[in-house]
Amino acid sequence: MSDNIYQFSATRNDGTEQSLQEYQNKVVLIVNTASKCGFTPQYEGLQKIYQQYQQYGLEVLAFPCDQFGHQEPGDDGEIAQFCSLNFNTQFPLFKKIEVNGDNAHPLYQYLKSHAKGLLGSQRIKWNFTKFLINRQGEVVKRYAPTAKPESLVLDIKKQLG
């Protein structure tokens, strides 16, 4: 099995299963999100860079998670409605998952092992941790929750070529 994100699939917010192979040859930004977090306004920045760079091959994948301060209490329908109404998000939104612990989604187990955090930690520290994936499906870089989406543009453009 190849060592990239294409070996995984995830359930979309509407319940459909999606293979990440569909993102081959794309630059992908994967983010664990939450609706009631101090970083929630980053949805706006994520939508902005998605709109600017999607035509060049960028995809943003949002994975809601309720493991940090119970900041994503809603069900999948409520989360989709919140993102649409408040930020007009158009990038793919997935079903709520866990990113840490025994029930962490296999994609997140992979991401954390390929791009460690501060001091070599694999744990996701908070909502809006971001992973940049190149066109070969490999993890290029991990960004802290405090990194605003706009601050990733240079790295994204470099991957887009």
C-alpha atoms as a PDB file:
ATOM      1  CA  MET A   1       0.000   0.000   0.000  1.00  0.00           C
ATOM      2  CA  SER A   2       1.329   3.399  -0.943  1.00  0.00           C
ATOM      3  CA  ASP A   3       2.398   5.766   1.791  1.00  0.00           C
ATOM      4  CA  ASN A   4       0.031   8.674   1.197  1.00  0.00           C
ATOM      5  CA  ILE A   5      -3.462   9.882   2.099  1.00  0.00           C
ATOM      6  CA  TYR A   6      -5.019   8.085  -0.887  1.00  0.00           C
ATOM      7  CA  GLN A   7      -5.226   4.824   1.068  1.00  0.00           C
ATOM      8  CA  PHE A   8      -7.939   6.348   3.285  1.00  0.00           C
ATOM      9  CA  SER A   9     -11.590   7.158   2.933  1.00  0.00           C
ATOM     10  CA  ALA A  10     -13.838   9.267   5.137  1.00  0.00           C
ATOM     11  CA  THR A  11     -17.560   9.820   5.537  1.00  0.00           C
ATOM     12  CA  ARG A  12     -18.844  13.131   4.198  1.00  0.00           C
ATOM     13  CA  ASN A  13     -21.199  15.216   6.294  1.00  0.00           C
ATOM     14  CA  ASP A  14     -24.155  13.931   4.243  1.00  0.00           C
ATOM     15  CA  GLY A  15     -23.287  10.302   5.047  1.00  0.00           C
ATOM     16  CA  THR A  16     -21.636   9.360   1.740  1.00  0.00           C
ATOM     17  CA  GLU A  17     -18.293   7.581   1.859  1.00  0.00           C
ATOM     18  CA  GLN A  18     -15.498   9.322  -0.025  1.00  0.00           C
ATOM     19  CA  SER A  19     -12.179   7.851  -1.050  1.00  0.00           C
ATOM     20  CA  LEU A  20      -9.337  10.324  -0.691  1.00  0.00           C
ATOM     21  CA  GLN A  21      -8.057   8.945  -4.013  1.00  0.00           C
ATOM     22  CA  GLU A  22     -10.458  11.475  -5.521  1.00  0.00           C
ATOM     23  CA  TYR A  23      -7.939  14.132  -4.495  1.00  0.00           C
ATOM     24  CA  GLN A  24      -5.001  12.681  -6.440  1.00  0.00           C
ATOM     25  CA  ASN A  25      -2.912  15.376  -8.116  1.00  0.00           C
ATOM     26  CA  LYS A  26      -4.487  18.036  -5.901  1.00  0.00           C
ATOM     27  CA  VAL A  27      -2.893  20.053  -3.112  1.00  0.00           C
ATOM     28  CA  VAL A  28      -4.984  19.366  -0.009  1.00  0.00           C
ATOM     29  CA  LEU A  29      -5.330  21.273   3.256  1.00  0.00           C
ATOM     30  CA  ILE A  30      -6.865  19.088   5.985  1.00  0.00           C
ATOM     31  CA  VAL A  31      -8.243  20.876   9.062  1.00  0.00           C
ATOM     32  CA  ASN A  32     -10.003  19.700  12.228  1.00  0.00           C
ATOM     33  CA  THR A  33     -12.705  22.270  12.859  1.00  0.00           C
ATOM     34  CA  ALA A  34     -15.206  23.381  15.501  1.00  0.00           C
ATOM     35  CA  SER A  35     -18.153  25.788  15.538  1.00  0.00           C
ATOM     36  CA  LYS A  36     -17.729  27.277  19.018  1.00  0.00           C
ATOM     37  CA  CYS A  37     -13.986  27.885  19.187  1.00  0.00           C
ATOM     38  CA  GLY A  38     -11.946  31.059  19.372  1.00  0.00           C
ATOM     39  CA  PHE A  39     -10.450  29.983  16.035  1.00  0.00           C
ATOM     40  CA  THR A  40     -13.844  29.406  14.365  1.00  0.00           C
ATOM     41  CA  PRO A  41     -13.517  32.653  12.339  1.00  0.00           C
ATOM     42  CA  GLN A  42     -10.733  30.835  10.442  1.00  0.00           C
ATOM     43  CA  TYR A  43     -13.558  29.228   8.431  1.00  0.00           C
ATOM     44  CA  GLU A  44     -13.702  32.578   6.621  1.00  0.00           C
ATOM     45  CA  GLY A  45     -10.013  32.457   5.727  1.00  0.00           C
ATOM     46  CA  LEU A  46     -10.269  28.805   4.673  1.00  0.00           C
ATOM     47  CA  GLN A  47     -13.174  29.642   2.351  1.00  0.00           C
ATOM     48  CA  LYS A  48     -11.248  32.604   0.919  1.00  0.00           C
ATOM     49  CA  ILE A  49      -8.137  30.591   0.023  1.00  0.00           C
ATOM     50  CA  TYR A  50     -10.342  27.754  -1.262  1.00  0.00           C
ATOM     51  CA  GLN A  51     -12.104  30.195  -3.617  1.00  0.00           C
ATOM     52  CA  GLN A  52      -8.806  31.749  -4.722  1.00  0.00           C
ATOM     53  CA  TYR A  53      -6.867  28.559  -5.383  1.00  0.00           C
ATOM     54  CA  GLN A  54      -9.355  25.765  -6.094  1.00  0.00           C
ATOM     55  CA  GLN A  55      -9.082  26.426  -9.835  1.00  0.00           C
ATOM     56  CA  TYR A  56      -5.341  25.726  -9.544  1.00  0.00           C
ATOM     57  CA  GLY A  57      -5.848  22.430  -7.717  1.00  0.00           C
ATOM     58  CA  LEU A  58      -6.354  23.261  -4.020  1.00  0.00           C
ATOM     59  CA  GLU A  59      -8.861  21.342  -1.910  1.00  0.00           C
ATOM     60  CA  VAL A  60      -9.730  22.131   1.708  1.00  0.00           C
ATOM     61  CA  LEU A  61     -11.164  19.244   3.753  1.00  0.00           C
ATOM     62  CA  ALA A  62     -12.837  20.080   7.069  1.00  0.00           C
ATOM     63  CA  PHE A  63     -13.172  17.435   9.787  1.00  0.00           C
ATOM     64  CA  PRO A  64     -15.319  18.663  12.688  1.00  0.00           C
ATOM     65  CA  CYS A  65     -14.159  17.385  16.075  1.00  0.00           C
ATOM     66  CA  ASP A  66     -15.588  17.729  19.590  1.00  0.00           C
ATOM     67  CA  GLN A  67     -12.503  16.627  21.549  1.00  0.00           C
ATOM     68  CA  PHE A  68     -11.386  20.102  22.591  1.00  0.00           C
ATOM     69  CA  GLY A  69     -13.448  21.904  25.203  1.00  0.00           C
ATOM     70  CA  HIS A  70     -16.719  20.469  23.795  1.00  0.00           C
ATOM     71  CA  GLN A  71     -16.576  23.166  21.102  1.00  0.00           C
ATOM     72  CA  GLU A  72     -18.361  21.126  18.433  1.00  0.00           C
ATOM     73  CA  PRO A  73     -21.490  19.918  20.267  1.00  0.00           C
ATOM     74  CA  GLY A  74     -23.826  19.873  17.250  1.00  0.00           C
ATOM     75  CA  ASP A  75     -24.759  16.949  15.044  1.00  0.00           C
ATOM     76  CA  ASP A  76     -23.603  16.761  11.431  1.00  0.00           C
ATOM     77  CA  GLY A  77     -26.680  18.597  10.135  1.00  0.00           C
ATOM     78  CA  GLU A  78     -26.256  21.456  12.604  1.00  0.00           C
ATOM     79  CA  ILE A  79     -22.548  21.732  11.773  1.00  0.00           C
ATOM     80  CA  ALA A  80     -23.254  21.925   8.016  1.00  0.00           C
ATOM     81  CA  GLN A  81     -25.928  24.560   8.581  1.00  0.00           C
ATOM     82  CA  PHE A  82     -23.640  26.600  10.831  1.00  0.00           C
ATOM     83  CA  CYS A  83     -20.786  26.579   8.279  1.00  0.00           C
ATOM     84  CA  SER A  84     -23.080  27.433   5.390  1.00  0.00           C
ATOM     85  CA  LEU A  85     -25.021  30.209   7.146  1.00  0.00           C
ATOM     86  CA  ASN A  86     -22.113  31.865   8.929  1.00  0.00           C
ATOM     87  CA  PHE A  87     -19.226  31.401   6.502  1.00  0.00           C
ATOM     88  CA  ASN A  88     -20.812  30.248   3.215  1.00  0.00           C
ATOM     89  CA  THR A  89     -18.310  27.379   3.122  1.00  0.00           C
ATOM     90  CA  GLN A  90     -18.169  25.444  -0.116  1.00  0.00           C
ATOM     91  CA  PHE A  91     -15.294  23.079   0.594  1.00  0.00           C
ATOM     92  CA  PRO A  92     -15.993  19.466   1.611  1.00  0.00           C
ATOM     93  CA  LEU A  93     -17.218  18.971   5.164  1.00  0.00           C
ATOM     94  CA  PHE A  94     -16.887  15.536   6.719  1.00  0.00           C
ATOM     95  CA  LYS A  95     -18.696  13.734   9.521  1.00  0.00           C
ATOM     96  CA  LYS A  96     -17.604  14.611  13.061  1.00  0.00           C
ATOM     97  CA  ILE A  97     -14.579  12.502  14.045  1.00  0.00           C
ATOM     98  CA  GLU A  98     -12.038  12.038  16.813  1.00  0.00           C
ATOM     99  CA  VAL A  99      -8.460  13.076  16.062  1.00  0.00           C
ATOM    100  CA  ASN A 100      -6.770  11.855  19.277  1.00  0.00           C
ATOM    101  CA  GLY A 101      -7.007   8.708  21.370  1.00  0.00           C
ATOM    102  CA  ASP A 102      -7.989   5.124  20.637  1.00  0.00           C
ATOM    103  CA  ASN A 103     -10.867   6.146  18.366  1.00  0.00           C
ATOM    104  CA  ALA A 104      -8.887   8.619  16.274  1.00  0.00           C
ATOM    105  CA  HIS A 105      -9.806   8.435  12.595  1.00  0.00           C
ATOM    106  CA  PRO A 106      -7.182   6.396  10.645  1.00  0.00           C
ATOM    107  CA  LEU A 107      -6.463   9.421   8.419  1.00  0.00           C
ATOM    108  CA  TYR A 108      -5.558  11.462  11.500  1.00  0.00           C
ATOM    109  CA  GLN A 109      -3.393   8.647  12.875  1.00  0.00           C
ATOM    110  CA  TYR A 110      -1.516   8.788   9.580  1.00  0.00           C
ATOM    111  CA  LEU A 111      -1.263  12.604   9.472  1.00  0.00           C
ATOM    112  CA  LYS A 112      -0.001  12.846  13.066  1.00  0.00           C
ATOM    113  CA  SER A 113       2.671  10.190  12.506  1.00  0.00           C
ATOM    114  CA  HIS A 114       3.939  11.912   9.340  1.00  0.00           C
ATOM    115  CA  ALA A 115       3.999  15.492  10.655  1.00  0.00           C
ATOM    116  CA  LYS A 116       4.629  15.720  14.347  1.00  0.00           C
ATOM    117  CA  GLY A 117       3.758  18.775  16.383  1.00  0.00           C
ATOM    118  CA  LEU A 118       5.752  20.816  18.841  1.00  0.00           C
ATOM    119  CA  LEU A 119       8.552  18.875  20.553  1.00  0.00           C
ATOM    120  CA  GLY A 120       7.786  15.807  18.435  1.00  0.00           C
ATOM    121  CA  SER A 121       4.308  15.324  19.859  1.00  0.00           C
ATOM    122  CA  GLN A 122       1.835  13.467  17.676  1.00  0.00           C
ATOM    123  CA  ARG A 123      -1.218  14.689  19.553  1.00  0.00           C
ATOM    124  CA  ILE A 124      -3.465  17.301  17.989  1.00  0.00           C
ATOM    125  CA  LYS A 125      -3.406  20.177  20.474  1.00  0.00           C
ATOM    126  CA  TRP A 126      -6.599  22.014  19.514  1.00  0.00           C
ATOM    127  CA  ASN A 127      -9.166  22.801  16.839  1.00  0.00           C
ATOM    128  CA  PHE A 128      -7.942  24.174  13.518  1.00  0.00           C
ATOM    129  CA  THR A 129      -4.663  22.260  13.389  1.00  0.00           C
ATOM    130  CA  LYS A 130      -3.854  22.118   9.673  1.00  0.00           C
ATOM    131  CA  PHE A 131      -1.980  19.650   7.464  1.00  0.00           C
ATOM    132  CA  LEU A 132      -0.745  20.553   3.975  1.00  0.00           C
ATOM    133  CA  ILE A 133      -0.626  17.646   1.522  1.00  0.00           C
ATOM    134  CA  ASN A 134       1.246  17.739  -1.806  1.00  0.00           C
ATOM    135  CA  ARG A 135       0.007  16.493  -5.209  1.00  0.00           C
ATOM    136  CA  GLN A 136       1.445  13.037  -4.438  1.00  0.00           C
ATOM    137  CA  GLY A 137      -0.710  12.748  -1.310  1.00  0.00           C
ATOM    138  CA  GLU A 138       2.211  13.181   1.082  1.00  0.00           C
ATOM    139  CA  VAL A 139       2.173  15.329   4.213  1.00  0.00           C
ATOM    140  CA  VAL A 140       4.318  18.415   3.644  1.00  0.00           C
ATOM    141  CA  LYS A 141       3.744  20.413   6.816  1.00  0.00           C
ATOM    142  CA  ARG A 142       1.683  20.700   9.980  1.00  0.00           C
ATOM    143  CA  TYR A 143       0.440  24.096  11.197  1.00  0.00           C
ATOM    144  CA  ALA A 144      -0.623  25.139  14.682  1.00  0.00           C
ATOM    145  CA  PRO A 145      -4.224  26.191  15.355  1.00  0.00           C
ATOM    146  CA  THR A 146      -3.024  29.798  15.685  1.00  0.00           C
ATOM    147  CA  ALA A 147      -1.727  29.821  12.072  1.00  0.00           C
ATOM    148  CA  LYS A 148      -4.281  31.806  10.104  1.00  0.00           C
ATOM    149  CA  PRO A 149      -5.222  30.294   6.725  1.00  0.00           C
ATOM    150  CA  GLU A 150      -3.879  33.393   4.912  1.00  0.00           C
ATOM    151  CA  SER A 151      -0.434  32.727   6.409  1.00  0.00           C
ATOM    152  CA  LEU A 152      -0.303  29.398   4.535  1.00  0.00           C
ATOM    153  CA  VAL A 153      -0.714  30.917   1.075  1.00  0.00           C
ATOM    154  CA  LEU A 154       2.997  30.954   0.185  1.00  0.00           C
ATOM    155  CA  ASP A 155       3.369  27.271   1.111  1.00  0.00           C
ATOM    156  CA  ILE A 156       0.168  26.421  -0.780  1.00  0.00           C
ATOM    157  CA  LYS A 157       1.311  28.302  -3.909  1.00  0.00           C
ATOM    158  CA  LYS A 158       4.666  26.506  -3.765  1.00  0.00           C
ATOM    159  CA  GLN A 159       2.866  23.129  -3.753  1.00  0.00           C
ATOM    160  CA  LEU A 160       0.494  24.191  -6.525  1.00  0.00           C
ATOM    161  CA  GLY A 161       3.551  25.009  -8.639  1.00  0.00           C
END
